[in-house]
Amino acid sequence: MFDLLQTLGGKPYMLAEHLQRFRNSADHLGLKIPASDEEIEAIILDLLERNGHAEATVRLVLTGGESPDGMHSIPTRRPSSS
C-alpha cells in the first residue's frame, strides 16, 4: 500500500491527515507501521533537507513483508513482523 503527499512552502502538506489515512489503510490490511507519526515526519523532513527540495512529492510505501525493490512484496513469503 502507499500514500502520496506533496509539500507546500517546503513542508509536507496535510501530513497528519495523510498519516491517519496511511494508518487506517494499514489497519484495514492487518499491517503494522513500524514507526510513530513523529518518526515518519522526522524522516520526511530529513529527506527533503538532504535532497535540497523545497517542493517535492513524497511516496510512503508499506508492504506486507520483504520487498527487494521497495515497491513490491515477494508473494511466496509470509509477512514479517517488526
N, C-alpha and C. Protein backbone atom coordinates (compact mmCIF):
# COMPACT_ATOMS: atom_id res chain seq x y z
N MET A 1 0.84 -1.16 0.00
CA MET A 1 0.00 0.00 0.00
C MET A 1 0.89 1.22 0.00
N PHE A 2 0.32 2.35 -0.40
CA PHE A 2 1.11 3.57 -0.44
C PHE A 2 0.23 4.79 -0.20
N ASP A 3 0.90 5.89 0.13
CA ASP A 3 0.25 7.19 0.20
C ASP A 3 1.20 8.19 -0.43
N LEU A 4 0.65 9.13 -1.13
CA LEU A 4 1.42 10.13 -1.84
C LEU A 4 1.07 11.49 -1.26
N LEU A 5 2.09 12.27 -0.91
CA LEU A 5 1.83 13.61 -0.40
C LEU A 5 2.75 14.61 -1.06
N GLN A 6 2.31 15.85 -1.07
CA GLN A 6 3.06 16.95 -1.68
C GLN A 6 3.57 17.86 -0.57
N THR A 7 4.57 18.66 -0.91
CA THR A 7 4.98 19.71 0.00
C THR A 7 4.40 21.03 -0.48
N LEU A 8 4.21 21.92 0.45
CA LEU A 8 3.72 23.26 0.13
C LEU A 8 4.50 24.21 1.03
N GLY A 9 5.20 25.13 0.42
CA GLY A 9 6.05 26.02 1.21
C GLY A 9 7.18 25.27 1.89
N GLY A 10 7.61 24.17 1.28
CA GLY A 10 8.72 23.39 1.82
C GLY A 10 8.35 22.44 2.93
N LYS A 11 7.06 22.35 3.27
CA LYS A 11 6.62 21.45 4.34
C LYS A 11 5.58 20.47 3.81
N PRO A 12 5.58 19.25 4.34
CA PRO A 12 4.57 18.28 3.90
C PRO A 12 3.16 18.82 4.14
N TYR A 13 2.36 18.87 3.10
CA TYR A 13 1.01 19.42 3.16
C TYR A 13 0.05 18.40 3.74
N MET A 14 -0.66 18.80 4.80
CA MET A 14 -1.66 17.97 5.47
C MET A 14 -1.07 16.61 5.91
N LEU A 15 0.14 16.66 6.47
CA LEU A 15 0.84 15.43 6.85
C LEU A 15 0.03 14.60 7.85
N ALA A 16 -0.54 15.23 8.86
CA ALA A 16 -1.30 14.48 9.87
C ALA A 16 -2.44 13.69 9.23
N GLU A 17 -3.13 14.32 8.26
CA GLU A 17 -4.23 13.64 7.58
C GLU A 17 -3.73 12.49 6.71
N HIS A 18 -2.59 12.69 6.05
CA HIS A 18 -2.01 11.61 5.24
C HIS A 18 -1.61 10.42 6.13
N LEU A 19 -0.99 10.73 7.26
CA LEU A 19 -0.56 9.65 8.15
C LEU A 19 -1.74 8.91 8.75
N GLN A 20 -2.81 9.62 9.06
CA GLN A 20 -4.00 8.95 9.59
C GLN A 20 -4.60 8.02 8.54
N ARG A 21 -4.68 8.48 7.30
CA ARG A 21 -5.20 7.64 6.22
C ARG A 21 -4.29 6.42 6.02
N PHE A 22 -2.97 6.65 6.08
CA PHE A 22 -1.99 5.57 5.94
C PHE A 22 -2.20 4.52 7.03
N ARG A 23 -2.38 4.99 8.28
CA ARG A 23 -2.60 4.07 9.40
C ARG A 23 -3.94 3.33 9.27
N ASN A 24 -4.97 4.03 8.85
CA ASN A 24 -6.28 3.39 8.65
C ASN A 24 -6.17 2.29 7.60
N SER A 25 -5.48 2.56 6.50
CA SER A 25 -5.31 1.56 5.44
C SER A 25 -4.51 0.36 5.96
N ALA A 26 -3.44 0.64 6.71
CA ALA A 26 -2.62 -0.44 7.27
C ALA A 26 -3.46 -1.31 8.20
N ASP A 27 -4.24 -0.68 9.07
CA ASP A 27 -5.11 -1.43 9.99
C ASP A 27 -6.08 -2.31 9.22
N HIS A 28 -6.68 -1.75 8.19
CA HIS A 28 -7.64 -2.49 7.37
C HIS A 28 -6.99 -3.73 6.73
N LEU A 29 -5.71 -3.61 6.37
CA LEU A 29 -5.00 -4.71 5.73
C LEU A 29 -4.29 -5.62 6.73
N GLY A 30 -4.35 -5.26 8.01
CA GLY A 30 -3.68 -6.07 9.03
C GLY A 30 -2.18 -5.90 9.05
N LEU A 31 -1.70 -4.73 8.62
CA LEU A 31 -0.27 -4.45 8.59
C LEU A 31 0.09 -3.51 9.74
N LYS A 32 1.33 -3.63 10.23
CA LYS A 32 1.81 -2.78 11.30
C LYS A 32 2.81 -1.78 10.72
N ILE A 33 2.62 -0.51 11.03
CA ILE A 33 3.58 0.53 10.63
C ILE A 33 4.64 0.59 11.73
N PRO A 34 5.91 0.29 11.41
CA PRO A 34 6.93 0.16 12.45
C PRO A 34 7.54 1.48 12.91
N ALA A 35 6.82 2.59 12.78
CA ALA A 35 7.33 3.89 13.21
C ALA A 35 6.16 4.76 13.66
N SER A 36 6.45 5.68 14.57
CA SER A 36 5.41 6.61 15.03
C SER A 36 5.25 7.72 13.98
N ASP A 37 4.16 8.47 14.11
CA ASP A 37 3.95 9.60 13.21
C ASP A 37 5.10 10.60 13.33
N GLU A 38 5.59 10.80 14.55
CA GLU A 38 6.70 11.74 14.77
C GLU A 38 7.97 11.25 14.07
N GLU A 39 8.23 9.95 14.13
CA GLU A 39 9.41 9.39 13.46
C GLU A 39 9.28 9.53 11.94
N ILE A 40 8.11 9.26 11.42
CA ILE A 40 7.89 9.39 9.97
C ILE A 40 8.07 10.83 9.54
N GLU A 41 7.51 11.77 10.30
CA GLU A 41 7.67 13.19 9.97
C GLU A 41 9.14 13.59 9.97
N ALA A 42 9.89 13.15 10.96
CA ALA A 42 11.32 13.48 11.04
C ALA A 42 12.08 12.91 9.84
N ILE A 43 11.73 11.71 9.43
CA ILE A 43 12.38 11.08 8.27
C ILE A 43 12.07 11.87 7.01
N ILE A 44 10.81 12.26 6.84
CA ILE A 44 10.41 13.02 5.65
C ILE A 44 11.14 14.36 5.62
N LEU A 45 11.18 15.07 6.75
CA LEU A 45 11.85 16.37 6.80
C LEU A 45 13.34 16.24 6.52
N ASP A 46 13.96 15.19 7.06
CA ASP A 46 15.38 14.94 6.79
C ASP A 46 15.61 14.64 5.31
N LEU A 47 14.73 13.84 4.73
CA LEU A 47 14.83 13.50 3.31
C LEU A 47 14.74 14.76 2.44
N LEU A 48 13.78 15.62 2.74
CA LEU A 48 13.62 16.86 1.98
C LEU A 48 14.86 17.74 2.11
N GLU A 49 15.39 17.84 3.34
CA GLU A 49 16.58 18.66 3.56
C GLU A 49 17.79 18.10 2.83
N ARG A 50 18.00 16.81 2.92
CA ARG A 50 19.16 16.18 2.27
C ARG A 50 19.13 16.33 0.75
N ASN A 51 17.93 16.36 0.20
CA ASN A 51 17.81 16.47 -1.25
C ASN A 51 17.69 17.91 -1.72
N GLY A 52 17.62 18.84 -0.78
CA GLY A 52 17.58 20.25 -1.14
C GLY A 52 16.32 20.65 -1.89
N HIS A 53 15.24 19.94 -1.66
CA HIS A 53 13.99 20.24 -2.36
C HIS A 53 13.01 20.94 -1.44
N ALA A 54 12.64 22.15 -1.83
CA ALA A 54 11.60 22.84 -1.08
C ALA A 54 10.24 22.27 -1.44
N GLU A 55 10.06 21.97 -2.71
CA GLU A 55 8.79 21.41 -3.17
C GLU A 55 9.05 20.03 -3.75
N ALA A 56 8.28 19.05 -3.30
CA ALA A 56 8.51 17.68 -3.72
C ALA A 56 7.24 16.86 -3.54
N THR A 57 7.29 15.66 -4.07
CA THR A 57 6.25 14.66 -3.86
C THR A 57 6.90 13.53 -3.08
N VAL A 58 6.25 13.09 -2.01
CA VAL A 58 6.77 12.02 -1.16
C VAL A 58 5.81 10.84 -1.24
N ARG A 59 6.37 9.66 -1.45
CA ARG A 59 5.55 8.45 -1.51
C ARG A 59 5.92 7.56 -0.33
N LEU A 60 4.95 7.30 0.54
CA LEU A 60 5.12 6.37 1.65
C LEU A 60 4.67 5.00 1.17
N VAL A 61 5.51 3.99 1.38
CA VAL A 61 5.18 2.64 0.93
C VAL A 61 5.29 1.68 2.11
N LEU A 62 4.28 0.83 2.27
CA LEU A 62 4.28 -0.20 3.30
C LEU A 62 3.91 -1.52 2.64
N THR A 63 4.79 -2.51 2.80
CA THR A 63 4.50 -3.83 2.23
C THR A 63 4.22 -4.81 3.36
N GLY A 64 3.70 -5.95 3.01
CA GLY A 64 3.38 -6.97 4.00
C GLY A 64 4.55 -7.88 4.30
N GLY A 65 5.70 -7.57 3.79
CA GLY A 65 6.87 -8.42 4.03
C GLY A 65 8.08 -7.88 3.30
N GLU A 66 9.01 -8.77 3.01
CA GLU A 66 10.24 -8.39 2.34
C GLU A 66 9.94 -7.79 0.97
N SER A 67 10.68 -6.75 0.63
CA SER A 67 10.47 -6.07 -0.65
C SER A 67 11.82 -5.76 -1.28
N PRO A 68 12.19 -6.48 -2.33
CA PRO A 68 13.51 -6.28 -2.92
C PRO A 68 13.67 -4.91 -3.57
N ASP A 69 12.61 -4.30 -4.00
CA ASP A 69 12.72 -3.01 -4.68
C ASP A 69 12.00 -1.88 -3.94
N GLY A 70 11.47 -2.16 -2.76
CA GLY A 70 10.77 -1.14 -2.00
C GLY A 70 9.37 -0.85 -2.50
N MET A 71 8.92 -1.57 -3.48
CA MET A 71 7.60 -1.33 -4.07
C MET A 71 6.73 -2.58 -4.09
N HIS A 72 7.34 -3.74 -4.26
CA HIS A 72 6.57 -4.98 -4.43
C HIS A 72 7.01 -5.99 -3.39
N SER A 73 6.05 -6.74 -2.87
CA SER A 73 6.40 -7.79 -1.92
C SER A 73 6.68 -9.08 -2.67
N ILE A 74 7.29 -10.01 -1.96
CA ILE A 74 7.57 -11.33 -2.53
C ILE A 74 6.37 -12.21 -2.20
N PRO A 75 5.57 -12.61 -3.19
CA PRO A 75 4.30 -13.30 -2.91
C PRO A 75 4.46 -14.65 -2.22
N THR A 76 5.62 -15.31 -2.32
CA THR A 76 5.76 -16.62 -1.72
C THR A 76 6.20 -16.56 -0.26
N ARG A 77 6.46 -15.37 0.26
CA ARG A 77 6.91 -15.23 1.64
C ARG A 77 5.78 -14.77 2.53
N ARG A 78 5.89 -15.08 3.81
CA ARG A 78 4.91 -14.62 4.79
C ARG A 78 5.29 -13.21 5.25
N PRO A 79 4.30 -12.42 5.68
CA PRO A 79 4.63 -11.09 6.20
C PRO A 79 5.58 -11.17 7.38
N SER A 80 6.48 -10.23 7.44
CA SER A 80 7.40 -10.19 8.57
C SER A 80 6.83 -9.27 9.63
N SER A 81 7.22 -9.49 10.87
CA SER A 81 6.76 -8.60 11.94
C SER A 81 7.94 -7.83 12.47
N SER A 82 7.68 -6.58 12.84
CA SER A 82 8.75 -5.72 13.38
C SER A 82 8.51 -5.47 14.83
